[in-house]
Amino acid sequence: MIPPANSLVKYEVPKIKSTKDADKPASISPAKGTKAASSESMKLQDTDEILTAILPPREWTEEGQLWVQAVSSTPATRLEVVGLKEQLDQKIQQRQARETGICPVRRELYSQCFDEIIRQITIECSERGLLLLRVRDEIKMTLQAYQTLYESSVAFGMRKALQAEQGKADMRRRIEELEETVKSQEKTIVEWKNKHDALEKREAERRVADQAKHTEEVQFLKRTNLQLKSQLEGIIAPSKK
């Protein structure tokens, strides 16, 4: 197992954890000396237990040996707090964390910084440390809820985008079908128009021919009428004489 990466949380020097130490139950040594010393020893022990509960020891295997690194119970000085701020800024720059938006790197670094602050506060006052632990857990739950909501909204947006793309494809196919139908109808219209023009032309020619035939017949009848009239007059005229 690869040793854990360097963290903003202050830890003790790593130690090898033997099998005997793992199997041996924790025991409290009997109090010695004055009552004040015993009380201070119990307070330190309670603080260590609270720190271990808040920030469990890191464990890893290296060259077949189990290493354990517990969180430090040494109070932080003013210079260490200033150094923590500088380390945070340096790591943000080194790991190229984004300044805005969702960034796992930035979230991890600020989480480590908050854990270190909880460690420092717990050493001074365990009650305040436990209260900050509740705040940290609530923040993590809220962030997890926001992350779940964000992932859900991203998935929903992707589904809607895919549906929109599918709808666009269907619409394109529908437009192509309608364009083909329009072309077919326009072709049919042209054919019917040509037929109509041909029929009108034939009908006009027929009317002209009928008109000419009718005119010819009228002229023939007029000539016939004149001939008959002249013949009738020729017959009637000698009779009168």
C-alpha atoms as a PDB file:
ATOM      1  CA  MET A   1       0.000   0.000   0.000  1.00  0.00           C
ATOM      2  CA  ILE A   2       1.299   3.458  -0.886  1.00  0.00           C
ATOM      3  CA  PRO A   3       1.929   5.722   2.134  1.00  0.00           C
ATOM      4  CA  PRO A   4      -0.684   8.469   2.511  1.00  0.00           C
ATOM      5  CA  ALA A   5       0.041  11.788   0.874  1.00  0.00           C
ATOM      6  CA  ASN A   6       1.140  14.807   2.836  1.00  0.00           C
ATOM      7  CA  SER A   7      -1.820  16.435   4.581  1.00  0.00           C
ATOM      8  CA  LEU A   8      -2.500  19.818   6.135  1.00  0.00           C
ATOM      9  CA  VAL A   9      -3.497  17.982   9.313  1.00  0.00           C
ATOM     10  CA  LYS A  10      -0.610  17.671  11.749  1.00  0.00           C
ATOM     11  CA  TYR A  11       0.259  14.057  12.593  1.00  0.00           C
ATOM     12  CA  GLU A  12       2.751  12.399  14.931  1.00  0.00           C
ATOM     13  CA  VAL A  13       5.787  10.522  13.690  1.00  0.00           C
ATOM     14  CA  PRO A  14       4.708   7.233  12.043  1.00  0.00           C
ATOM     15  CA  LYS A  15       5.208   4.089  14.109  1.00  0.00           C
ATOM     16  CA  ILE A  16       5.303   0.415  13.279  1.00  0.00           C
ATOM     17  CA  LYS A  17       2.228  -1.349  14.607  1.00  0.00           C
ATOM     18  CA  SER A  18       3.081  -4.854  15.769  1.00  0.00           C
ATOM     19  CA  THR A  19       0.596  -7.720  16.128  1.00  0.00           C
ATOM     20  CA  LYS A  20       0.924  -7.647  19.902  1.00  0.00           C
ATOM     21  CA  ASP A  21       0.022  -3.962  20.006  1.00  0.00           C
ATOM     22  CA  ALA A  22      -3.028  -4.593  17.839  1.00  0.00           C
ATOM     23  CA  ASP A  23      -4.259  -7.481  20.016  1.00  0.00           C
ATOM     24  CA  LYS A  24      -3.481  -5.877  23.379  1.00  0.00           C
ATOM     25  CA  PRO A  25      -6.500  -4.093  24.878  1.00  0.00           C
ATOM     26  CA  ALA A  26      -6.132  -0.468  25.876  1.00  0.00           C
ATOM     27  CA  SER A  27      -5.508  -0.021  29.558  1.00  0.00           C
ATOM     28  CA  ILE A  28      -5.421   2.995  31.784  1.00  0.00           C
ATOM     29  CA  SER A  29      -2.429   3.212  34.070  1.00  0.00           C
ATOM     30  CA  PRO A  30      -3.241   3.835  37.730  1.00  0.00           C
ATOM     31  CA  ALA A  31      -3.059   7.397  38.884  1.00  0.00           C
ATOM     32  CA  LYS A  32       0.107   8.437  40.654  1.00  0.00           C
ATOM     33  CA  GLY A  33       1.123  11.592  42.435  1.00  0.00           C
ATOM     34  CA  THR A  34      -1.234  14.334  43.405  1.00  0.00           C
ATOM     35  CA  LYS A  35      -4.930  14.633  42.557  1.00  0.00           C
ATOM     36  CA  ALA A  36      -4.242  17.537  40.185  1.00  0.00           C
ATOM     37  CA  ALA A  37      -1.728  15.483  38.209  1.00  0.00           C
ATOM     38  CA  SER A  38      -4.201  12.608  37.968  1.00  0.00           C
ATOM     39  CA  SER A  39      -6.920  14.951  36.717  1.00  0.00           C
ATOM     40  CA  GLU A  40      -4.585  16.455  34.125  1.00  0.00           C
ATOM     41  CA  SER A  41      -3.565  12.981  32.953  1.00  0.00           C
ATOM     42  CA  MET A  42      -7.214  11.924  32.547  1.00  0.00           C
ATOM     43  CA  LYS A  43      -7.950  15.133  30.664  1.00  0.00           C
ATOM     44  CA  LEU A  44      -5.091  14.492  28.250  1.00  0.00           C
ATOM     45  CA  GLN A  45      -6.260  10.923  27.781  1.00  0.00           C
ATOM     46  CA  ASP A  46      -9.816  12.098  27.045  1.00  0.00           C
ATOM     47  CA  THR A  47      -8.462  14.639  24.579  1.00  0.00           C
ATOM     48  CA  ASP A  48      -6.430  11.958  22.792  1.00  0.00           C
ATOM     49  CA  GLU A  49      -9.476   9.702  22.616  1.00  0.00           C
ATOM     50  CA  ILE A  50     -11.615  12.520  21.213  1.00  0.00           C
ATOM     51  CA  LEU A  51      -8.924  13.378  18.677  1.00  0.00           C
ATOM     52  CA  THR A  52      -8.675   9.729  17.652  1.00  0.00           C
ATOM     53  CA  ALA A  53     -12.461   9.566  17.272  1.00  0.00           C
ATOM     54  CA  ILE A  54     -12.585  12.770  15.234  1.00  0.00           C
ATOM     55  CA  LEU A  55      -9.474  12.085  13.146  1.00  0.00           C
ATOM     56  CA  PRO A  56      -8.688   8.355  13.066  1.00  0.00           C
ATOM     57  CA  PRO A  57      -5.029   7.297  12.685  1.00  0.00           C
ATOM     58  CA  ARG A  58      -3.704   6.669   9.212  1.00  0.00           C
ATOM     59  CA  GLU A  59      -2.535   3.142   8.467  1.00  0.00           C
ATOM     60  CA  TRP A  60      -0.566   1.721   5.555  1.00  0.00           C
ATOM     61  CA  THR A  61       1.650  -1.227   4.754  1.00  0.00           C
ATOM     62  CA  GLU A  62       5.208  -0.730   3.621  1.00  0.00           C
ATOM     63  CA  GLU A  63       7.731  -3.552   3.054  1.00  0.00           C
ATOM     64  CA  GLY A  64       5.456  -6.015   4.842  1.00  0.00           C
ATOM     65  CA  GLN A  65       5.102  -3.881   7.972  1.00  0.00           C
ATOM     66  CA  LEU A  66       2.022  -2.060   9.184  1.00  0.00           C
ATOM     67  CA  TRP A  67       2.633   1.617   9.896  1.00  0.00           C
ATOM     68  CA  VAL A  68       0.342   3.788  12.011  1.00  0.00           C
ATOM     69  CA  GLN A  69       0.340   7.565  12.220  1.00  0.00           C
ATOM     70  CA  ALA A  70      -1.898   9.167  14.839  1.00  0.00           C
ATOM     71  CA  VAL A  71      -2.999  12.766  14.795  1.00  0.00           C
ATOM     72  CA  SER A  72      -0.827  15.099  16.855  1.00  0.00           C
ATOM     73  CA  SER A  73      -2.057  16.222  20.279  1.00  0.00           C
ATOM     74  CA  THR A  74       0.428  19.087  20.506  1.00  0.00           C
ATOM     75  CA  PRO A  75      -1.192  22.524  20.704  1.00  0.00           C
ATOM     76  CA  ALA A  76      -0.578  24.811  17.764  1.00  0.00           C
ATOM     77  CA  THR A  77       1.300  28.066  18.093  1.00  0.00           C
ATOM     78  CA  ARG A  78       0.543  31.329  16.327  1.00  0.00           C
ATOM     79  CA  LEU A  79       3.359  30.700  13.850  1.00  0.00           C
ATOM     80  CA  GLU A  80       1.932  27.259  13.023  1.00  0.00           C
ATOM     81  CA  VAL A  81      -1.489  28.799  12.315  1.00  0.00           C
ATOM     82  CA  VAL A  82       0.140  31.334   9.985  1.00  0.00           C
ATOM     83  CA  GLY A  83       2.123  28.495   8.415  1.00  0.00           C
ATOM     84  CA  LEU A  84      -1.136  26.546   7.882  1.00  0.00           C
ATOM     85  CA  LYS A  85      -2.540  29.442   5.861  1.00  0.00           C
ATOM     86  CA  GLU A  86       0.616  29.634   3.777  1.00  0.00           C
ATOM     87  CA  GLN A  87       0.606  25.866   3.192  1.00  0.00           C
ATOM     88  CA  LEU A  88      -3.040  26.042   2.096  1.00  0.00           C
ATOM     89  CA  ASP A  89      -2.326  28.789  -0.440  1.00  0.00           C
ATOM     90  CA  GLN A  90       0.776  26.957  -1.664  1.00  0.00           C
ATOM     91  CA  LYS A  91      -1.026  23.634  -2.152  1.00  0.00           C
ATOM     92  CA  ILE A  92      -3.916  25.352  -3.942  1.00  0.00           C
ATOM     93  CA  GLN A  93      -1.413  26.852  -6.363  1.00  0.00           C
ATOM     94  CA  GLN A  94       0.673  23.685  -6.742  1.00  0.00           C
ATOM     95  CA  ARG A  95      -2.302  21.420  -7.420  1.00  0.00           C
ATOM     96  CA  GLN A  96      -3.899  24.052  -9.683  1.00  0.00           C
ATOM     97  CA  ALA A  97      -7.243  24.085  -7.903  1.00  0.00           C
ATOM     98  CA  ARG A  98     -10.000  26.047  -9.602  1.00  0.00           C
ATOM     99  CA  GLU A  99     -11.053  29.249  -7.893  1.00  0.00           C
ATOM    100  CA  THR A 100     -14.751  28.916  -8.787  1.00  0.00           C
ATOM    101  CA  GLY A 101     -17.189  26.131  -9.512  1.00  0.00           C
ATOM    102  CA  ILE A 102     -16.995  22.545  -8.352  1.00  0.00           C
ATOM    103  CA  CYS A 103     -13.379  21.499  -7.725  1.00  0.00           C
ATOM    104  CA  PRO A 104     -12.572  18.262  -5.831  1.00  0.00           C
ATOM    105  CA  VAL A 105      -8.977  19.428  -5.241  1.00  0.00           C
ATOM    106  CA  ARG A 106     -10.031  22.700  -3.618  1.00  0.00           C
ATOM    107  CA  ARG A 107     -12.658  20.910  -1.576  1.00  0.00           C
ATOM    108  CA  GLU A 108     -10.113  18.339  -0.340  1.00  0.00           C
ATOM    109  CA  LEU A 109      -7.596  21.002   0.687  1.00  0.00           C
ATOM    110  CA  TYR A 110     -10.139  23.110   2.559  1.00  0.00           C
ATOM    111  CA  SER A 111     -11.455  19.956   4.234  1.00  0.00           C
ATOM    112  CA  GLN A 112      -7.935  19.147   5.459  1.00  0.00           C
ATOM    113  CA  CYS A 113      -7.525  22.722   6.676  1.00  0.00           C
ATOM    114  CA  PHE A 114     -10.816  22.528   8.556  1.00  0.00           C
ATOM    115  CA  ASP A 115      -9.777  19.213  10.129  1.00  0.00           C
ATOM    116  CA  GLU A 116      -6.534  20.822  11.306  1.00  0.00           C
ATOM    117  CA  ILE A 117      -8.492  23.708  12.830  1.00  0.00           C
ATOM    118  CA  ILE A 118     -10.756  21.190  14.583  1.00  0.00           C
ATOM    119  CA  ARG A 119      -7.651  19.429  15.925  1.00  0.00           C
ATOM    120  CA  GLN A 120      -6.237  22.663  17.287  1.00  0.00           C
ATOM    121  CA  ILE A 121      -9.544  23.698  18.890  1.00  0.00           C
ATOM    122  CA  THR A 122     -10.140  20.224  20.362  1.00  0.00           C
ATOM    123  CA  ILE A 123      -6.778  20.303  22.166  1.00  0.00           C
ATOM    124  CA  GLU A 124      -7.740  23.599  23.803  1.00  0.00           C
ATOM    125  CA  CYS A 125     -11.419  22.731  24.418  1.00  0.00           C
ATOM    126  CA  SER A 126     -12.825  19.320  23.546  1.00  0.00           C
ATOM    127  CA  GLU A 127     -16.438  20.577  23.684  1.00  0.00           C
ATOM    128  CA  ARG A 128     -15.765  23.197  21.038  1.00  0.00           C
ATOM    129  CA  GLY A 129     -13.952  20.598  18.973  1.00  0.00           C
ATOM    130  CA  LEU A 130     -16.955  18.271  19.104  1.00  0.00           C
ATOM    131  CA  LEU A 131     -19.221  21.162  18.153  1.00  0.00           C
ATOM    132  CA  LEU A 132     -17.013  21.966  15.179  1.00  0.00           C
ATOM    133  CA  LEU A 133     -17.136  18.270  14.262  1.00  0.00           C
ATOM    134  CA  ARG A 134     -20.931  18.526  14.049  1.00  0.00           C
ATOM    135  CA  VAL A 135     -20.571  21.605  11.870  1.00  0.00           C
ATOM    136  CA  ARG A 136     -18.090  19.777   9.622  1.00  0.00           C
ATOM    137  CA  ASP A 137     -20.345  16.744   9.245  1.00  0.00           C
ATOM    138  CA  GLU A 138     -23.339  18.976   8.485  1.00  0.00           C
ATOM    139  CA  ILE A 139     -21.338  20.833   5.845  1.00  0.00           C
ATOM    140  CA  LYS A 140     -20.276  17.528   4.275  1.00  0.00           C
ATOM    141  CA  MET A 141     -23.886  16.326   4.219  1.00  0.00           C
ATOM    142  CA  THR A 142     -24.993  19.576   2.613  1.00  0.00           C
ATOM    143  CA  LEU A 143     -22.213  19.441   0.027  1.00  0.00           C
ATOM    144  CA  GLN A 144     -23.060  15.815  -0.719  1.00  0.00           C
ATOM    145  CA  ALA A 145     -26.702  16.760  -1.202  1.00  0.00           C
ATOM    146  CA  TYR A 146     -25.706  19.600  -3.534  1.00  0.00           C
ATOM    147  CA  GLN A 147     -23.380  17.283  -5.430  1.00  0.00           C
ATOM    148  CA  THR A 148     -26.121  14.694  -5.823  1.00  0.00           C
ATOM    149  CA  LEU A 149     -28.501  17.405  -6.995  1.00  0.00           C
ATOM    150  CA  TYR A 150     -25.885  18.713  -9.423  1.00  0.00           C
ATOM    151  CA  GLU A 151     -25.198  15.255 -10.858  1.00  0.00           C
ATOM    152  CA  SER A 152     -28.926  14.634 -11.142  1.00  0.00           C
ATOM    153  CA  SER A 153     -29.446  17.944 -12.931  1.00  0.00           C
ATOM    154  CA  VAL A 154     -26.535  17.203 -15.283  1.00  0.00           C
ATOM    155  CA  ALA A 155     -27.999  13.778 -16.083  1.00  0.00           C
ATOM    156  CA  PHE A 156     -31.414  15.367 -16.619  1.00  0.00           C
ATOM    157  CA  GLY A 157     -29.896  17.998 -18.895  1.00  0.00           C
ATOM    158  CA  MET A 158     -28.080  15.329 -20.897  1.00  0.00           C
ATOM    159  CA  ARG A 159     -31.281  13.313 -21.286  1.00  0.00           C
ATOM    160  CA  LYS A 160     -33.127  16.415 -22.452  1.00  0.00           C
ATOM    161  CA  ALA A 161     -30.303  17.247 -24.863  1.00  0.00           C
ATOM    162  CA  LEU A 162     -30.386  13.713 -26.292  1.00  0.00           C
ATOM    163  CA  GLN A 163     -34.165  13.901 -26.600  1.00  0.00           C
ATOM    164  CA  ALA A 164     -33.823  17.261 -28.341  1.00  0.00           C
ATOM    165  CA  GLU A 165     -31.239  15.816 -30.741  1.00  0.00           C
ATOM    166  CA  GLN A 166     -33.524  12.849 -31.391  1.00  0.00           C
ATOM    167  CA  GLY A 167     -36.411  15.258 -31.937  1.00  0.00           C
ATOM    168  CA  LYS A 168     -34.272  17.276 -34.357  1.00  0.00           C
ATOM    169  CA  ALA A 169     -33.414  14.125 -36.307  1.00  0.00           C
ATOM    170  CA  ASP A 170     -37.091  13.135 -36.504  1.00  0.00           C
ATOM    171  CA  MET A 171     -37.999  16.677 -37.536  1.00  0.00           C
ATOM    172  CA  ARG A 172     -35.340  16.650 -40.252  1.00  0.00           C
ATOM    173  CA  ARG A 173     -36.690  13.366 -41.610  1.00  0.00           C
ATOM    174  CA  ARG A 174     -40.219  14.783 -41.501  1.00  0.00           C
ATOM    175  CA  ILE A 175     -39.093  17.922 -43.348  1.00  0.00           C
ATOM    176  CA  GLU A 176     -37.363  15.812 -46.002  1.00  0.00           C
ATOM    177  CA  GLU A 177     -40.521  13.719 -46.439  1.00  0.00           C
ATOM    178  CA  LEU A 178     -42.652  16.845 -46.769  1.00  0.00           C
ATOM    179  CA  GLU A 179     -40.202  18.357 -49.258  1.00  0.00           C
ATOM    180  CA  GLU A 180     -40.384  15.184 -51.340  1.00  0.00           C
ATOM    181  CA  THR A 181     -44.184  15.330 -51.150  1.00  0.00           C
ATOM    182  CA  VAL A 182     -44.147  18.988 -52.236  1.00  0.00           C
ATOM    183  CA  LYS A 183     -41.873  18.166 -55.179  1.00  0.00           C
ATOM    184  CA  SER A 184     -44.150  15.310 -56.181  1.00  0.00           C
ATOM    185  CA  GLN A 185     -47.237  17.535 -55.925  1.00  0.00           C
ATOM    186  CA  GLU A 186     -45.538  20.290 -57.917  1.00  0.00           C
ATOM    187  CA  LYS A 187     -44.649  17.749 -60.610  1.00  0.00           C
ATOM    188  CA  THR A 188     -48.268  16.571 -60.677  1.00  0.00           C
ATOM    189  CA  ILE A 189     -49.457  20.183 -60.924  1.00  0.00           C
ATOM    190  CA  VAL A 190     -47.151  20.788 -63.887  1.00  0.00           C
ATOM    191  CA  GLU A 191     -48.436  17.648 -65.623  1.00  0.00           C
ATOM    192  CA  TRP A 192     -52.072  18.617 -65.088  1.00  0.00           C
ATOM    193  CA  LYS A 193     -51.344  22.160 -66.225  1.00  0.00           C
ATOM    194  CA  ASN A 194     -49.772  20.846 -69.429  1.00  0.00           C
ATOM    195  CA  LYS A 195     -52.793  18.628 -69.981  1.00  0.00           C
ATOM    196  CA  HIS A 196     -55.077  21.585 -69.367  1.00  0.00           C
ATOM    197  CA  ASP A 197     -53.174  23.764 -71.813  1.00  0.00           C
ATOM    198  CA  ALA A 198     -53.280  20.993 -74.429  1.00  0.00           C
ATOM    199  CA  LEU A 199     -57.020  20.549 -73.935  1.00  0.00           C
ATOM    200  CA  GLU A 200     -57.605  24.303 -74.213  1.00  0.00           C
ATOM    201  CA  LYS A 201     -55.532  24.422 -77.384  1.00  0.00           C
ATOM    202  CA  ARG A 202     -57.444  21.511 -78.943  1.00  0.00           C
ATOM    203  CA  GLU A 203     -60.750  23.034 -77.855  1.00  0.00           C
ATOM    204  CA  ALA A 204     -59.821  26.398 -79.351  1.00  0.00           C
ATOM    205  CA  GLU A 205     -58.813  24.731 -82.612  1.00  0.00           C
ATOM    206  CA  ARG A 206     -62.092  22.776 -82.615  1.00  0.00           C
ATOM    207  CA  ARG A 207     -64.088  25.955 -82.034  1.00  0.00           C
ATOM    208  CA  VAL A 208     -62.272  27.684 -84.881  1.00  0.00           C
ATOM    209  CA  ALA A 209     -62.907  24.728 -87.147  1.00  0.00           C
ATOM    210  CA  ASP A 210     -66.579  24.573 -86.142  1.00  0.00           C
ATOM    211  CA  GLN A 211     -66.930  28.293 -86.662  1.00  0.00           C
ATOM    212  CA  ALA A 212     -65.382  28.059 -90.102  1.00  0.00           C
ATOM    213  CA  LYS A 213     -67.604  25.104 -90.973  1.00  0.00           C
ATOM    214  CA  HIS A 214     -70.658  26.941 -89.704  1.00  0.00           C
ATOM    215  CA  THR A 215     -69.757  30.030 -91.706  1.00  0.00           C
ATOM    216  CA  GLU A 216     -69.243  27.923 -94.799  1.00  0.00           C
ATOM    217  CA  GLU A 217     -72.584  26.224 -94.331  1.00  0.00           C
ATOM    218  CA  VAL A 218     -74.319  29.583 -93.865  1.00  0.00           C
ATOM    219  CA  GLN A 219     -72.740  30.905 -97.049  1.00  0.00           C
ATOM    220  CA  PHE A 220     -73.739  27.763 -98.910  1.00  0.00           C
ATOM    221  CA  LEU A 221     -77.297  28.061 -97.668  1.00  0.00           C
ATOM    222  CA  LYS A 222     -77.388  31.714 -98.664  1.00  0.00           C
ATOM    223  CA  ARG A 223     -76.166  30.904-102.170  1.00  0.00           C
ATOM    224  CA  THR A 224     -78.643  28.072-102.432  1.00  0.00           C
ATOM    225  CA  ASN A 225     -81.419  30.350-101.258  1.00  0.00           C
ATOM    226  CA  LEU A 226     -80.500  32.962-103.838  1.00  0.00           C
ATOM    227  CA  GLN A 227     -80.407  30.361-106.586  1.00  0.00           C
ATOM    228  CA  LEU A 228     -83.779  28.962-105.615  1.00  0.00           C
ATOM    229  CA  LYS A 229     -85.178  32.443-105.334  1.00  0.00           C
ATOM    230  CA  SER A 230     -83.962  33.386-108.789  1.00  0.00           C
ATOM    231  CA  GLN A 231     -85.309  30.133-110.215  1.00  0.00           C
ATOM    232  CA  LEU A 232     -88.654  30.747-108.547  1.00  0.00           C
ATOM    233  CA  GLU A 233     -88.802  34.268-109.934  1.00  0.00           C
ATOM    234  CA  GLY A 234     -87.941  32.935-113.405  1.00  0.00           C
ATOM    235  CA  ILE A 235     -90.808  30.480-113.200  1.00  0.00           C
ATOM    236  CA  ILE A 236     -93.308  33.040-111.913  1.00  0.00           C
ATOM    237  CA  ALA A 237     -92.423  35.812-114.431  1.00  0.00           C
ATOM    238  CA  PRO A 238     -93.476  33.996-117.733  1.00  0.00           C
ATOM    239  CA  SER A 239     -96.714  32.939-116.154  1.00  0.00           C
ATOM    240  CA  LYS A 240     -97.728  36.527-115.550  1.00  0.00           C
ATOM    241  CA  LYS A 241     -97.176  37.390-119.194  1.00  0.00           C
END
